[in-house]
N, C-alpha and C. Protein backbone atom coordinates (compact mmCIF):
# COMPACT_ATOMS: atom_id res chain seq x y z
N UNK A 1 -61.69 -56.04 33.12
CA UNK A 1 -60.67 -55.80 32.34
C UNK A 1 -59.42 -56.30 32.87
N UNK A 2 -58.43 -56.59 32.16
CA UNK A 2 -57.07 -57.13 32.39
C UNK A 2 -56.35 -56.16 33.17
N UNK A 3 -55.88 -56.51 34.43
CA UNK A 3 -54.94 -55.56 35.24
C UNK A 3 -53.71 -56.20 35.24
N UNK A 4 -52.72 -55.52 35.30
CA UNK A 4 -51.28 -56.00 35.55
C UNK A 4 -50.97 -55.61 36.88
N UNK A 5 -50.58 -56.55 37.69
CA UNK A 5 -50.25 -56.34 39.17
C UNK A 5 -48.65 -56.30 39.05
N UNK A 6 -48.32 -55.21 39.82
CA UNK A 6 -46.77 -55.05 39.86
C UNK A 6 -46.26 -53.97 38.98
N UNK A 7 -45.02 -54.15 38.56
CA UNK A 7 -44.24 -53.11 37.85
C UNK A 7 -44.76 -52.89 36.36
N UNK A 8 -44.40 -51.84 35.81
CA UNK A 8 -44.86 -51.47 34.46
C UNK A 8 -44.45 -52.52 33.51
N UNK A 9 -45.16 -52.90 32.54
CA UNK A 9 -44.80 -53.90 31.57
C UNK A 9 -44.32 -53.13 30.36
N UNK A 10 -44.43 -51.85 30.15
CA UNK A 10 -44.07 -51.06 28.91
C UNK A 10 -42.74 -50.49 29.09
N UNK A 11 -41.99 -50.81 27.82
CA UNK A 11 -40.64 -50.48 27.73
C UNK A 11 -40.47 -49.93 26.34
N UNK A 12 -39.41 -48.88 25.96
CA UNK A 12 -39.26 -48.44 24.78
C UNK A 12 -38.15 -49.29 24.10
N UNK A 13 -38.25 -49.79 22.90
CA UNK A 13 -37.28 -50.49 22.20
C UNK A 13 -37.08 -49.89 20.69
N UNK A 14 -35.95 -50.03 20.13
CA UNK A 14 -35.91 -49.61 18.68
C UNK A 14 -35.85 -50.91 17.80
N UNK A 15 -36.97 -51.21 17.32
CA UNK A 15 -37.10 -52.48 16.57
C UNK A 15 -36.63 -52.19 14.93
N UNK A 16 -36.93 -51.06 14.42
CA UNK A 16 -36.46 -50.96 13.11
C UNK A 16 -36.02 -49.40 12.93
N UNK A 17 -35.26 -49.21 11.95
CA UNK A 17 -34.87 -47.75 11.71
C UNK A 17 -36.10 -46.97 11.34
N UNK A 18 -37.01 -47.50 10.59
CA UNK A 18 -38.22 -46.79 10.17
C UNK A 18 -39.22 -46.50 11.23
N UNK A 19 -39.51 -47.34 12.15
CA UNK A 19 -40.56 -47.19 13.16
C UNK A 19 -40.04 -47.65 14.52
N UNK A 20 -39.42 -46.64 15.36
CA UNK A 20 -39.17 -47.04 16.68
C UNK A 20 -40.46 -47.44 17.38
N UNK A 21 -40.48 -48.32 18.42
CA UNK A 21 -41.58 -49.06 18.89
C UNK A 21 -41.33 -49.18 20.43
N UNK A 22 -42.41 -49.07 21.19
CA UNK A 22 -42.59 -49.47 22.54
C UNK A 22 -43.29 -50.86 22.78
N UNK A 23 -42.47 -51.76 23.24
CA UNK A 23 -43.12 -52.96 23.48
C UNK A 23 -44.10 -52.93 24.72
N UNK A 24 -45.20 -53.26 24.48
CA UNK A 24 -46.19 -53.41 25.54
C UNK A 24 -46.44 -54.68 26.16
N UNK A 25 -46.42 -55.73 25.34
CA UNK A 25 -46.54 -57.19 25.87
C UNK A 25 -45.67 -58.06 24.83
N UNK A 26 -45.05 -58.94 25.13
CA UNK A 26 -44.36 -59.99 24.43
C UNK A 26 -44.41 -61.23 25.02
N UNK A 27 -45.00 -62.38 24.45
CA UNK A 27 -45.27 -63.71 24.75
C UNK A 27 -44.96 -64.50 23.67
N UNK A 28 -44.81 -65.63 23.74
CA UNK A 28 -44.74 -66.67 22.64
C UNK A 28 -45.85 -66.64 21.73
N UNK A 29 -46.98 -66.08 22.18
CA UNK A 29 -48.16 -65.94 21.23
C UNK A 29 -48.25 -64.58 20.46
N UNK A 30 -47.91 -63.63 21.22
CA UNK A 30 -48.28 -62.32 20.81
C UNK A 30 -47.16 -61.19 20.87
N UNK A 31 -47.09 -60.24 20.16
CA UNK A 31 -46.24 -59.01 20.28
C UNK A 31 -47.30 -57.86 20.13
N UNK A 32 -47.24 -57.13 21.18
CA UNK A 32 -47.97 -55.88 21.08
C UNK A 32 -47.11 -54.69 21.32
N UNK A 33 -47.15 -53.68 20.36
CA UNK A 33 -46.28 -52.51 20.41
C UNK A 33 -47.06 -51.38 20.06
N UNK A 34 -46.32 -50.18 20.60
CA UNK A 34 -47.04 -48.91 20.27
C UNK A 34 -45.95 -48.13 19.38
N UNK A 35 -46.22 -47.75 18.24
CA UNK A 35 -45.37 -47.04 17.34
C UNK A 35 -45.68 -45.51 17.39
N UNK A 36 -44.80 -44.74 18.10
CA UNK A 36 -45.01 -43.35 18.32
C UNK A 36 -45.11 -42.58 17.12
N UNK A 37 -44.24 -42.78 16.12
CA UNK A 37 -44.24 -42.00 14.95
C UNK A 37 -45.60 -42.13 13.98
N UNK A 38 -46.26 -43.19 14.24
CA UNK A 38 -47.55 -43.43 13.62
C UNK A 38 -48.86 -43.18 14.51
N UNK A 39 -48.55 -43.05 15.98
CA UNK A 39 -49.65 -43.24 16.78
C UNK A 39 -50.49 -44.17 16.56
N UNK A 40 -49.76 -45.51 16.48
CA UNK A 40 -50.44 -46.64 16.15
C UNK A 40 -50.08 -47.84 16.97
N UNK A 41 -51.05 -48.54 17.36
CA UNK A 41 -50.73 -49.79 18.03
C UNK A 41 -50.81 -51.02 17.12
N UNK A 42 -49.69 -51.83 17.19
CA UNK A 42 -49.58 -53.06 16.54
C UNK A 42 -49.68 -54.33 17.39
N UNK A 43 -50.66 -55.17 16.98
CA UNK A 43 -50.86 -56.37 17.62
C UNK A 43 -50.58 -57.60 16.58
N UNK A 44 -49.35 -58.22 16.84
CA UNK A 44 -48.93 -59.23 15.85
C UNK A 44 -48.95 -60.57 16.57
N UNK A 45 -49.93 -61.45 15.96
CA UNK A 45 -50.03 -62.76 16.50
C UNK A 45 -48.91 -63.74 15.95
N UNK A 46 -48.19 -64.39 16.89
CA UNK A 46 -47.11 -65.23 16.36
C UNK A 46 -47.57 -66.48 16.16
N UNK A 47 -48.65 -67.03 16.85
CA UNK A 47 -49.27 -68.24 16.73
C UNK A 47 -50.63 -68.18 17.20
N UNK A 48 -51.52 -69.15 16.71
CA UNK A 48 -53.00 -69.17 17.14
C UNK A 48 -52.96 -69.23 18.73
N UNK A 49 -53.72 -68.20 19.20
CA UNK A 49 -53.92 -68.18 20.70
C UNK A 49 -55.07 -68.92 21.07
N UNK A 50 -55.09 -69.34 22.45
CA UNK A 50 -56.00 -69.90 23.11
C UNK A 50 -57.18 -68.66 23.54
N UNK A 51 -58.17 -68.92 23.82
CA UNK A 51 -59.08 -67.78 24.22
C UNK A 51 -58.70 -66.81 25.29
N UNK A 52 -58.24 -67.45 26.30
CA UNK A 52 -57.77 -66.60 27.53
C UNK A 52 -56.71 -65.87 27.09
N UNK A 53 -55.63 -66.27 26.49
CA UNK A 53 -54.30 -65.56 25.98
C UNK A 53 -54.82 -64.54 25.01
N UNK A 54 -55.72 -64.63 24.19
CA UNK A 54 -56.40 -63.79 23.31
C UNK A 54 -56.84 -62.58 23.84
N UNK A 55 -57.94 -62.95 24.98
CA UNK A 55 -58.56 -61.86 25.66
C UNK A 55 -57.50 -61.05 26.46
N UNK A 56 -56.66 -61.69 27.16
CA UNK A 56 -55.72 -60.95 27.89
C UNK A 56 -54.77 -60.12 27.22
N UNK A 57 -54.29 -60.54 25.94
CA UNK A 57 -53.57 -59.56 25.13
C UNK A 57 -54.21 -58.46 24.72
N UNK A 58 -55.59 -58.41 24.34
CA UNK A 58 -56.30 -57.32 24.00
C UNK A 58 -56.72 -56.52 25.22
N UNK A 59 -56.88 -56.93 26.48
CA UNK A 59 -57.00 -56.23 27.61
C UNK A 59 -55.76 -55.34 27.99
N UNK A 60 -54.69 -55.82 27.64
CA UNK A 60 -53.29 -55.15 27.91
C UNK A 60 -53.38 -53.99 26.95
N UNK A 61 -53.74 -54.13 25.65
CA UNK A 61 -53.69 -53.09 24.74
C UNK A 61 -54.70 -52.11 25.13
N UNK A 62 -55.94 -52.41 25.57
CA UNK A 62 -57.02 -51.48 26.00
C UNK A 62 -56.56 -50.53 27.19
N UNK A 63 -55.89 -51.33 28.04
CA UNK A 63 -55.32 -50.67 29.32
C UNK A 63 -54.39 -49.60 28.94
N UNK A 64 -53.49 -49.98 28.00
CA UNK A 64 -52.57 -48.86 27.39
C UNK A 64 -53.26 -47.73 26.85
N UNK A 65 -54.22 -48.00 26.01
CA UNK A 65 -54.98 -46.85 25.44
C UNK A 65 -55.76 -46.06 26.48
N UNK A 66 -56.31 -46.60 27.52
CA UNK A 66 -56.98 -45.97 28.41
C UNK A 66 -56.08 -45.18 29.43
N UNK A 67 -55.11 -45.91 29.84
CA UNK A 67 -54.28 -45.15 31.03
C UNK A 67 -52.88 -44.25 30.36
N UNK A 68 -52.41 -44.81 29.41
CA UNK A 68 -51.04 -44.25 28.98
C UNK A 68 -51.25 -43.17 27.77
N UNK A 69 -51.92 -43.67 26.60
CA UNK A 69 -51.98 -42.84 25.55
C UNK A 69 -53.23 -43.21 24.74
N UNK A 70 -53.94 -42.17 24.40
CA UNK A 70 -55.15 -42.58 23.60
C UNK A 70 -54.68 -42.74 22.15
N UNK A 71 -55.11 -44.07 21.61
CA UNK A 71 -54.62 -44.50 20.33
C UNK A 71 -55.87 -44.83 19.48
N UNK A 72 -55.96 -44.30 18.36
CA UNK A 72 -57.18 -44.69 17.56
C UNK A 72 -56.82 -45.26 16.18
N UNK A 73 -55.40 -45.64 16.06
CA UNK A 73 -55.06 -46.33 14.83
C UNK A 73 -54.34 -47.61 15.17
N UNK A 74 -54.96 -48.71 14.66
CA UNK A 74 -54.62 -50.03 15.08
C UNK A 74 -54.18 -50.92 13.87
N UNK A 75 -53.27 -51.82 14.03
CA UNK A 75 -52.84 -52.73 13.04
C UNK A 75 -52.78 -54.15 13.79
N UNK A 76 -53.60 -55.08 13.18
CA UNK A 76 -53.51 -56.50 13.69
C UNK A 76 -53.02 -57.43 12.63
N UNK A 77 -51.82 -57.99 12.93
CA UNK A 77 -51.26 -58.88 12.00
C UNK A 77 -51.47 -60.27 12.31
N UNK A 78 -52.36 -60.92 11.39
CA UNK A 78 -52.72 -62.39 11.50
C UNK A 78 -51.98 -63.31 10.52
N UNK A 79 -50.96 -62.84 9.91
CA UNK A 79 -50.29 -63.61 8.88
C UNK A 79 -49.74 -64.96 9.36
N UNK A 80 -49.17 -64.95 10.62
CA UNK A 80 -48.59 -66.10 11.18
C UNK A 80 -49.64 -67.21 11.81
N UNK A 81 -50.60 -66.56 12.46
CA UNK A 81 -51.68 -67.37 13.00
C UNK A 81 -52.81 -67.79 12.40
N UNK A 82 -53.11 -67.17 11.26
CA UNK A 82 -54.23 -67.48 10.48
C UNK A 82 -55.53 -66.85 11.10
N UNK A 83 -56.74 -67.32 10.59
CA UNK A 83 -57.88 -66.86 10.91
C UNK A 83 -58.21 -66.98 12.52
N UNK A 84 -58.88 -66.05 12.97
CA UNK A 84 -59.37 -66.16 14.42
C UNK A 84 -60.49 -67.03 14.37
N UNK A 85 -60.74 -67.77 15.56
CA UNK A 85 -61.95 -68.58 15.78
C UNK A 85 -63.14 -67.68 15.86
N UNK A 86 -64.29 -68.53 15.62
CA UNK A 86 -65.55 -67.72 15.55
C UNK A 86 -65.85 -67.23 17.03
N UNK A 87 -65.56 -67.86 18.08
CA UNK A 87 -65.49 -67.48 19.36
C UNK A 87 -64.79 -66.19 19.73
N UNK A 88 -63.49 -66.26 19.21
CA UNK A 88 -62.80 -64.98 19.34
C UNK A 88 -63.42 -63.74 18.55
N UNK A 89 -63.78 -63.91 17.32
CA UNK A 89 -64.38 -62.91 16.72
C UNK A 89 -65.77 -62.43 17.44
N UNK A 90 -66.49 -63.31 18.02
CA UNK A 90 -67.62 -62.90 18.68
C UNK A 90 -67.40 -62.17 19.99
N UNK A 91 -66.27 -62.52 20.65
CA UNK A 91 -65.73 -61.86 21.89
C UNK A 91 -65.33 -60.32 21.46
N UNK A 92 -64.65 -60.24 20.46
CA UNK A 92 -64.39 -58.93 19.95
C UNK A 92 -65.41 -57.96 19.65
N UNK A 93 -66.30 -58.62 18.93
CA UNK A 93 -67.58 -57.69 18.55
C UNK A 93 -68.45 -57.39 19.57
N UNK A 94 -68.84 -58.39 20.43
CA UNK A 94 -69.86 -58.27 21.62
C UNK A 94 -69.37 -57.63 22.84
N UNK A 95 -68.04 -57.90 23.21
CA UNK A 95 -67.42 -57.60 24.63
C UNK A 95 -66.32 -56.39 24.38
N UNK A 96 -65.28 -56.80 23.58
CA UNK A 96 -64.09 -55.92 23.49
C UNK A 96 -64.36 -54.58 22.75
N UNK A 97 -65.04 -54.60 21.41
CA UNK A 97 -65.20 -53.24 20.80
C UNK A 97 -66.12 -52.32 21.55
N UNK A 98 -67.15 -52.81 22.21
CA UNK A 98 -67.93 -51.78 23.03
C UNK A 98 -67.05 -51.17 24.12
N UNK A 99 -66.13 -51.86 24.77
CA UNK A 99 -65.14 -51.31 25.68
C UNK A 99 -64.16 -50.33 25.08
N UNK A 100 -63.77 -50.76 23.95
CA UNK A 100 -62.88 -49.77 23.18
C UNK A 100 -63.58 -48.40 22.98
N UNK A 101 -64.89 -48.62 22.50
CA UNK A 101 -65.58 -47.36 22.30
C UNK A 101 -65.93 -46.42 23.47
N UNK A 102 -66.08 -47.10 24.68
CA UNK A 102 -66.33 -46.50 25.83
C UNK A 102 -64.91 -45.73 26.19
N UNK A 103 -63.81 -46.33 25.99
CA UNK A 103 -62.47 -45.79 26.29
C UNK A 103 -62.12 -44.66 25.34
N UNK A 104 -62.22 -44.89 24.12
CA UNK A 104 -61.68 -44.05 23.10
C UNK A 104 -62.73 -42.80 22.83
N UNK A 105 -63.90 -43.13 22.80
CA UNK A 105 -65.00 -42.19 22.42
C UNK A 105 -64.89 -41.64 21.11
N UNK A 106 -64.29 -42.12 20.13
CA UNK A 106 -64.17 -41.56 18.79
C UNK A 106 -63.98 -42.75 17.90
N UNK A 107 -64.02 -42.45 16.58
CA UNK A 107 -63.86 -43.36 15.54
C UNK A 107 -62.47 -44.10 15.61
N UNK A 108 -62.26 -45.27 15.26
CA UNK A 108 -60.84 -45.85 15.25
C UNK A 108 -60.68 -46.48 13.83
N UNK A 109 -59.47 -46.57 13.48
CA UNK A 109 -59.00 -47.23 12.25
C UNK A 109 -58.39 -48.38 12.42
N UNK A 110 -58.57 -49.62 11.73
CA UNK A 110 -57.98 -50.76 12.12
C UNK A 110 -57.40 -51.52 10.64
N UNK A 111 -56.14 -51.52 10.67
CA UNK A 111 -55.68 -52.32 9.56
C UNK A 111 -55.57 -53.84 9.98
N UNK A 112 -55.98 -54.75 9.07
CA UNK A 112 -55.80 -56.23 9.42
C UNK A 112 -54.98 -56.84 8.26
N UNK A 113 -53.92 -57.46 8.72
CA UNK A 113 -53.06 -58.00 7.81
C UNK A 113 -53.12 -59.63 7.80
N UNK A 114 -53.46 -60.12 6.70
CA UNK A 114 -53.55 -61.53 6.41
C UNK A 114 -52.61 -62.04 5.52
N UNK A 115 -52.45 -63.35 5.74
CA UNK A 115 -51.58 -64.02 4.47
C UNK A 115 -52.36 -64.00 3.20
N UNK A 116 -51.62 -64.10 1.98
CA UNK A 116 -52.24 -64.02 0.76
C UNK A 116 -53.38 -65.08 0.64
N UNK A 117 -53.15 -66.35 1.16
CA UNK A 117 -54.14 -67.27 1.01
C UNK A 117 -55.37 -67.10 1.85
N UNK A 118 -55.16 -66.61 3.05
CA UNK A 118 -56.21 -66.27 3.95
C UNK A 118 -57.04 -65.11 3.40
N UNK A 119 -56.32 -64.12 2.82
CA UNK A 119 -56.97 -62.78 2.15
C UNK A 119 -57.79 -63.27 0.97
N UNK A 120 -57.34 -64.24 0.18
CA UNK A 120 -58.18 -64.75 -1.01
C UNK A 120 -59.35 -65.31 -0.47
N UNK A 121 -59.25 -66.20 0.48
CA UNK A 121 -60.41 -66.90 0.99
C UNK A 121 -61.46 -66.03 1.58
N UNK A 122 -61.07 -65.02 2.24
CA UNK A 122 -62.00 -63.89 2.88
C UNK A 122 -62.69 -63.33 1.77
N UNK A 123 -61.87 -62.85 0.76
CA UNK A 123 -62.64 -62.06 -0.34
C UNK A 123 -63.55 -62.98 -1.14
N UNK A 124 -63.22 -64.36 -1.32
CA UNK A 124 -64.00 -65.28 -2.07
C UNK A 124 -65.39 -65.49 -1.19
N UNK A 125 -65.32 -65.77 0.06
CA UNK A 125 -66.46 -65.98 0.91
C UNK A 125 -66.95 -64.78 1.78
N UNK A 126 -66.74 -63.57 1.37
CA UNK A 126 -67.09 -62.51 2.24
C UNK A 126 -68.52 -62.42 2.59
N UNK A 127 -68.70 -62.30 3.87
CA UNK A 127 -70.10 -62.15 4.41
C UNK A 127 -70.04 -61.29 5.73
N UNK A 128 -70.49 -60.15 5.96
CA UNK A 128 -70.48 -59.32 7.10
C UNK A 128 -71.46 -59.97 8.00
N UNK A 129 -71.02 -60.18 9.37
CA UNK A 129 -71.86 -60.65 10.30
C UNK A 129 -72.70 -59.46 10.90
N UNK A 130 -73.88 -59.68 11.49
CA UNK A 130 -74.62 -58.79 12.08
C UNK A 130 -74.04 -58.07 13.16
N UNK A 131 -73.12 -58.79 14.06
CA UNK A 131 -72.38 -58.14 14.97
C UNK A 131 -71.46 -57.18 14.57
N UNK A 132 -70.64 -57.49 13.51
CA UNK A 132 -69.73 -56.49 12.97
C UNK A 132 -70.32 -55.28 12.37
N UNK A 133 -71.57 -55.42 11.76
CA UNK A 133 -72.19 -54.28 11.27
C UNK A 133 -72.61 -53.13 12.40
N UNK A 134 -72.60 -53.79 13.49
CA UNK A 134 -72.94 -52.75 14.67
C UNK A 134 -71.89 -51.89 15.22
N UNK A 135 -70.60 -52.37 14.60
CA UNK A 135 -69.44 -51.52 15.09
C UNK A 135 -69.13 -50.42 14.10
N UNK A 136 -70.17 -49.42 14.00
CA UNK A 136 -69.96 -48.41 12.94
C UNK A 136 -68.74 -47.37 13.18
N UNK A 137 -68.15 -47.45 14.44
CA UNK A 137 -67.13 -46.54 14.80
C UNK A 137 -65.68 -47.19 14.35
N UNK A 138 -65.65 -48.44 13.88
CA UNK A 138 -64.44 -48.96 13.56
C UNK A 138 -64.34 -48.97 12.09
N UNK A 139 -63.37 -48.41 11.56
CA UNK A 139 -63.17 -48.50 10.02
C UNK A 139 -62.05 -49.48 9.67
N UNK A 140 -62.36 -50.56 8.99
CA UNK A 140 -61.46 -51.49 8.78
C UNK A 140 -60.83 -51.35 7.41
N UNK A 141 -59.74 -51.84 7.15
CA UNK A 141 -58.93 -52.06 5.88
C UNK A 141 -58.13 -53.14 5.83
N UNK A 142 -57.98 -53.84 4.86
CA UNK A 142 -57.33 -55.12 4.80
C UNK A 142 -56.15 -55.13 3.85
N UNK A 143 -55.07 -55.89 4.30
CA UNK A 143 -53.79 -55.98 3.74
C UNK A 143 -53.19 -57.33 3.78
N UNK A 144 -52.25 -57.45 2.87
CA UNK A 144 -51.37 -58.82 2.90
C UNK A 144 -49.81 -58.55 3.34
N UNK A 145 -49.66 -57.24 3.54
CA UNK A 145 -48.36 -56.90 3.87
C UNK A 145 -48.34 -55.84 4.97
N UNK A 146 -47.53 -56.13 6.16
CA UNK A 146 -47.57 -55.24 7.33
C UNK A 146 -47.13 -53.80 6.93
N UNK A 147 -46.05 -53.91 6.09
CA UNK A 147 -45.55 -52.40 5.82
C UNK A 147 -46.69 -51.63 5.08
N UNK A 148 -47.49 -52.33 4.25
CA UNK A 148 -48.63 -51.42 3.54
C UNK A 148 -49.68 -51.01 4.42
N UNK A 149 -49.96 -51.83 5.42
CA UNK A 149 -50.92 -51.56 6.38
C UNK A 149 -50.47 -50.33 7.35
N UNK A 150 -49.20 -50.36 7.71
CA UNK A 150 -48.55 -49.34 8.50
C UNK A 150 -48.51 -47.91 7.63
N UNK A 151 -48.28 -48.01 6.42
CA UNK A 151 -48.15 -46.98 5.57
C UNK A 151 -49.54 -46.16 5.46
N UNK A 152 -50.68 -47.04 5.28
CA UNK A 152 -52.00 -46.60 5.37
C UNK A 152 -52.38 -45.79 6.53
N UNK A 153 -51.91 -46.39 7.75
CA UNK A 153 -52.16 -45.84 8.98
C UNK A 153 -51.37 -44.49 9.09
N UNK A 154 -50.17 -44.60 8.68
CA UNK A 154 -49.25 -43.45 8.78
C UNK A 154 -49.85 -42.21 7.88
N UNK A 155 -50.53 -42.61 6.80
CA UNK A 155 -51.28 -41.54 5.95
C UNK A 155 -52.33 -40.91 6.75
N UNK A 156 -53.09 -41.77 7.49
CA UNK A 156 -54.24 -41.31 8.31
C UNK A 156 -53.74 -40.28 9.38
N UNK A 157 -52.65 -40.71 10.08
CA UNK A 157 -52.12 -40.08 11.24
C UNK A 157 -51.51 -38.74 10.53
N UNK A 158 -50.85 -38.80 9.53
CA UNK A 158 -50.37 -37.48 8.86
C UNK A 158 -51.46 -36.44 8.50
N UNK A 159 -52.62 -37.07 7.95
CA UNK A 159 -53.78 -36.30 7.67
C UNK A 159 -54.32 -35.57 8.89
N UNK A 160 -54.35 -36.33 10.03
CA UNK A 160 -54.83 -35.63 11.25
C UNK A 160 -53.77 -34.66 11.72
N UNK A 161 -52.60 -34.97 11.64
CA UNK A 161 -51.56 -33.73 12.15
C UNK A 161 -51.83 -32.56 11.21
N UNK A 162 -51.86 -32.76 10.01
CA UNK A 162 -52.10 -31.62 9.03
C UNK A 162 -53.40 -30.84 9.42
N UNK A 163 -54.52 -31.61 9.75
CA UNK A 163 -55.77 -30.82 10.02
C UNK A 163 -55.66 -30.09 11.45
N UNK A 164 -54.79 -30.64 12.36
CA UNK A 164 -54.69 -30.07 13.64
C UNK A 164 -53.78 -28.59 13.43
N UNK A 165 -52.74 -29.06 12.57
CA UNK A 165 -51.75 -27.75 12.23
C UNK A 165 -52.61 -26.56 11.62
N UNK A 166 -53.47 -26.94 10.60
CA UNK A 166 -54.29 -26.00 9.87
C UNK A 166 -55.17 -25.35 10.79
N UNK A 167 -55.83 -25.93 11.63
CA UNK A 167 -56.78 -25.42 12.81
C UNK A 167 -55.97 -24.49 13.62
N UNK A 168 -54.77 -24.59 14.02
CA UNK A 168 -54.02 -23.97 14.98
C UNK A 168 -53.47 -22.69 14.25
N UNK A 169 -53.32 -22.84 12.96
CA UNK A 169 -52.73 -21.61 12.25
C UNK A 169 -53.51 -20.55 12.07
């Protein structure tokens, strides 16, 4: 697992009036943020990453989930970088997602944001890999706008809050 040596890399920033965010990692390739009001982690790829940078970014995200705050709602924005490489998808399915499951120990919800063209290509050529089918604890939904994805995750979060409130009443 990726370990940060030295000072904390987490800091609170206000990015928009709608969703204040905590920056977990910002590089020329990726921006990873935690959105407290939605209890959601956002991973926005600014450009196509090499495999090492890709894996390090995801380990930073998992470290936050394991050590700082349990998060089960995720948004990955691929609109700028395009499709992930097959090797990156395989690494997520075979190595990373099993570690997420060990850490979180419950179902997670992931919104994936694509560009319009990428989304159309995926819909036209949709084929579920056998690796992806094994990740039954991850519930994916696909979008072409980040705000729509965050709205969906916000609705899931509100539903959980309501369920907890009802159970406590």
